[in-house]
N, C-alpha and C. Protein backbone atom coordinates (compact mmCIF):
# COMPACT_ATOMS: atom_id res chain seq x y z
N MET A 1 112.38 85.45 116.55
CA MET A 1 113.31 85.83 115.22
C MET A 1 114.16 86.98 115.53
N ALA A 2 114.22 88.20 114.78
CA ALA A 2 115.32 89.06 114.94
C ALA A 2 114.75 90.36 114.87
N ILE A 3 115.69 91.34 115.39
CA ILE A 3 115.29 92.75 115.32
C ILE A 3 116.17 93.33 114.38
N LYS A 4 115.59 93.88 113.22
CA LYS A 4 116.59 94.48 112.22
C LYS A 4 116.33 95.84 112.05
N GLN A 5 117.55 96.51 111.65
CA GLN A 5 117.51 98.08 111.46
C GLN A 5 117.03 98.17 110.01
N LEU A 6 116.19 99.12 109.86
CA LEU A 6 115.63 99.50 108.40
C LEU A 6 116.57 100.69 107.83
N GLU A 7 116.47 100.83 106.61
CA GLU A 7 117.18 101.93 106.04
C GLU A 7 116.64 103.19 106.57
N ASP A 8 115.52 103.38 106.88
CA ASP A 8 115.03 104.73 107.19
C ASP A 8 115.17 105.01 108.74
N GLY A 9 115.85 104.18 109.40
CA GLY A 9 116.26 104.38 110.88
C GLY A 9 115.41 103.59 111.80
N ARG A 10 114.18 103.24 111.30
CA ARG A 10 113.36 102.47 112.27
C ARG A 10 113.86 101.02 112.30
N ILE A 11 113.22 100.39 113.39
CA ILE A 11 113.71 98.77 113.54
C ILE A 11 112.38 98.13 113.23
N ALA A 12 112.57 96.81 112.87
CA ALA A 12 111.43 95.93 112.72
C ALA A 12 111.83 94.70 113.67
N ASP A 13 110.92 94.44 114.60
CA ASP A 13 110.94 93.35 115.54
C ASP A 13 110.23 92.15 114.97
N GLU A 14 110.85 91.41 114.04
CA GLU A 14 110.23 90.41 113.37
C GLU A 14 109.74 89.11 114.50
N PHE A 15 108.63 88.53 114.16
CA PHE A 15 108.14 87.56 115.07
C PHE A 15 107.35 86.47 114.33
N GLU A 16 107.17 85.26 115.00
CA GLU A 16 106.48 84.18 114.39
C GLU A 16 105.51 83.70 115.56
N ILE A 17 104.36 83.66 115.34
CA ILE A 17 103.53 83.20 116.63
C ILE A 17 102.48 82.15 116.09
N GLY A 18 102.16 81.43 116.74
CA GLY A 18 101.18 80.29 116.48
C GLY A 18 101.64 78.93 116.28
N VAL A 19 100.58 78.10 116.14
CA VAL A 19 100.84 76.62 115.85
C VAL A 19 100.29 76.31 114.36
N GLU A 20 101.03 75.48 113.71
CA GLU A 20 100.60 75.15 112.39
C GLU A 20 99.38 74.43 112.27
N PRO A 21 98.42 74.90 111.50
CA PRO A 21 98.61 75.60 110.17
C PRO A 21 98.57 77.21 110.48
N LEU A 22 98.28 77.58 111.53
CA LEU A 22 97.87 78.88 111.76
C LEU A 22 99.13 79.67 112.48
N VAL A 23 100.01 79.96 111.67
CA VAL A 23 101.16 80.69 112.01
C VAL A 23 101.32 82.09 111.40
N LEU A 24 101.33 82.98 112.19
CA LEU A 24 101.63 84.45 111.86
C LEU A 24 102.97 84.93 111.79
N LYS A 25 103.49 85.35 110.73
CA LYS A 25 105.04 85.80 110.40
C LYS A 25 104.70 87.23 110.42
N ASP A 26 105.18 88.15 111.00
CA ASP A 26 104.90 89.58 111.12
C ASP A 26 106.11 90.32 111.64
N ALA A 27 105.97 91.60 111.72
CA ALA A 27 107.02 92.37 112.49
C ALA A 27 106.34 93.72 113.04
N LEU A 28 106.87 94.17 114.18
CA LEU A 28 106.49 95.37 114.84
C LEU A 28 107.50 96.27 114.39
N VAL A 29 106.99 97.46 113.67
CA VAL A 29 107.99 98.44 113.22
C VAL A 29 107.85 99.66 113.75
N MET A 30 108.85 100.29 114.39
CA MET A 30 108.83 101.49 115.23
C MET A 30 110.25 102.12 115.00
N THR A 31 110.38 103.27 115.66
CA THR A 31 111.63 103.79 116.01
C THR A 31 112.34 103.25 117.03
N PRO A 32 113.71 103.21 117.22
CA PRO A 32 114.37 102.71 118.39
C PRO A 32 113.95 103.25 119.70
N ALA A 33 113.65 104.67 119.79
CA ALA A 33 113.14 105.20 121.00
C ALA A 33 111.94 104.55 121.27
N GLU A 34 111.00 104.45 120.40
CA GLU A 34 109.60 103.86 120.80
C GLU A 34 109.90 102.37 121.33
N HIS A 35 110.74 101.64 120.62
CA HIS A 35 110.83 100.19 121.07
C HIS A 35 111.64 100.10 122.42
N ALA A 36 112.49 101.18 122.66
CA ALA A 36 113.46 101.17 123.94
C ALA A 36 112.32 101.72 125.12
N ALA A 37 111.39 102.15 124.83
CA ALA A 37 110.35 102.81 125.86
C ALA A 37 109.58 101.78 126.36
N LEU A 38 109.26 100.55 125.43
CA LEU A 38 108.35 99.48 125.86
C LEU A 38 109.07 98.49 126.60
N THR A 39 108.46 97.84 127.62
CA THR A 39 108.99 96.66 128.24
C THR A 39 108.78 95.23 127.52
N ALA A 40 109.54 94.18 127.83
CA ALA A 40 109.27 93.05 127.08
C ALA A 40 107.85 92.61 127.18
N ASP A 41 107.49 92.75 128.39
CA ASP A 41 105.92 92.45 128.43
C ASP A 41 104.97 93.11 127.41
N GLU A 42 105.17 94.28 127.38
CA GLU A 42 104.33 95.16 126.46
C GLU A 42 104.55 94.78 125.00
N ILE A 43 105.92 94.47 124.68
CA ILE A 43 106.04 93.99 123.14
C ILE A 43 105.37 92.70 123.09
N ALA A 44 105.41 91.75 124.05
CA ALA A 44 104.84 90.49 123.86
C ALA A 44 103.33 90.65 123.72
N ALA A 45 102.76 91.60 124.53
CA ALA A 45 101.27 91.75 124.34
C ALA A 45 100.97 92.29 123.00
N MET A 46 101.91 93.27 122.43
CA MET A 46 101.47 93.86 121.17
C MET A 46 101.53 92.69 120.14
N LYS A 47 102.33 91.83 120.24
CA LYS A 47 102.47 90.63 119.25
C LYS A 47 101.37 89.80 119.47
N GLN A 48 100.98 89.48 120.75
CA GLN A 48 99.78 88.70 120.94
C GLN A 48 98.42 89.21 120.42
N LEU A 49 98.33 90.33 120.69
CA LEU A 49 97.06 91.10 120.12
C LEU A 49 97.11 91.13 118.54
N ARG A 50 98.26 91.25 117.78
CA ARG A 50 98.39 91.14 116.50
C ARG A 50 97.92 89.78 116.06
N TYR A 51 98.34 88.88 116.80
CA TYR A 51 97.97 87.23 116.41
C TYR A 51 96.55 87.29 116.54
N ASP A 52 96.03 87.57 117.85
CA ASP A 52 94.55 87.28 118.16
C ASP A 52 93.82 88.02 117.09
N ASN A 53 93.98 89.27 116.67
CA ASN A 53 93.29 89.88 115.61
C ASN A 53 93.28 89.20 114.13
N TRP A 54 94.54 88.81 113.95
CA TRP A 54 94.72 87.99 112.59
C TRP A 54 93.92 86.70 112.61
N ILE A 55 93.94 85.85 113.76
CA ILE A 55 93.23 84.58 113.95
C ILE A 55 91.68 84.89 113.71
N ALA A 56 91.39 86.00 114.38
CA ALA A 56 89.94 86.24 114.12
C ALA A 56 89.45 86.37 112.86
N ILE A 57 90.27 87.01 112.05
CA ILE A 57 89.84 87.28 110.57
C ILE A 57 90.00 85.89 109.80
N VAL A 58 91.10 85.14 109.86
CA VAL A 58 91.31 83.99 109.26
C VAL A 58 90.33 82.83 109.65
N THR A 59 89.89 82.90 110.68
CA THR A 59 89.01 81.74 111.03
C THR A 59 87.49 82.08 111.11
N ALA A 60 87.31 83.51 110.77
CA ALA A 60 85.82 83.67 110.74
C ALA A 60 85.13 83.03 109.66
N PRO A 61 83.76 82.75 109.76
CA PRO A 61 83.03 82.30 108.80
C PRO A 61 82.84 83.14 107.75
N PRO A 62 82.66 82.70 106.55
CA PRO A 62 82.55 83.56 105.35
C PRO A 62 81.10 84.34 105.61
N PRO A 63 81.14 85.63 105.11
CA PRO A 63 79.67 86.34 104.98
C PRO A 63 78.69 85.41 104.06
N PRO A 64 77.48 85.64 104.55
CA PRO A 64 76.33 84.99 103.58
C PRO A 64 76.41 85.58 102.22
N GLU A 65 76.04 84.80 101.20
CA GLU A 65 76.10 85.37 99.92
C GLU A 65 74.85 86.29 99.80
N GLU A 66 75.13 87.26 99.14
CA GLU A 66 74.03 88.25 98.93
C GLU A 66 73.41 88.13 97.68
N VAL A 67 72.11 87.92 97.43
CA VAL A 67 71.49 87.69 96.16
C VAL A 67 70.76 88.91 95.63
N PRO A 68 71.17 89.45 94.61
CA PRO A 68 70.43 90.51 94.25
C PRO A 68 68.94 90.55 94.11
N ALA A 69 68.35 91.72 94.52
CA ALA A 69 66.77 91.58 94.51
C ALA A 69 66.17 91.21 93.18
N ASP A 70 66.83 91.52 92.17
CA ASP A 70 66.20 91.36 90.69
C ASP A 70 66.36 89.85 90.28
N VAL A 71 67.13 89.06 90.90
CA VAL A 71 67.53 87.70 90.37
C VAL A 71 66.27 86.64 91.07
N PRO A 72 65.57 86.13 90.16
CA PRO A 72 64.63 85.05 90.63
C PRO A 72 65.30 84.11 91.48
N GLN A 73 64.58 83.79 92.54
CA GLN A 73 65.05 82.51 93.52
C GLN A 73 64.50 81.29 92.91
N GLU A 74 65.49 80.33 93.10
CA GLU A 74 65.03 78.97 92.54
C GLU A 74 64.40 78.10 93.67
């Protein structure tokens, strides 16, 4: 995608990662100096980690339903 300059001076390195239907559209936001200090491999690793964390959340099984103690069981 693109690197955009934000009004506050930071940059947004927008990216899209994944395969349908599990595609994450996100951005790494930082100062230009912080971005310039990173290698392409480091930026790619940050994007992959963001995707891996997101996938873990959206594909996790739902938590078991809690039944209040005062509700009779059927």
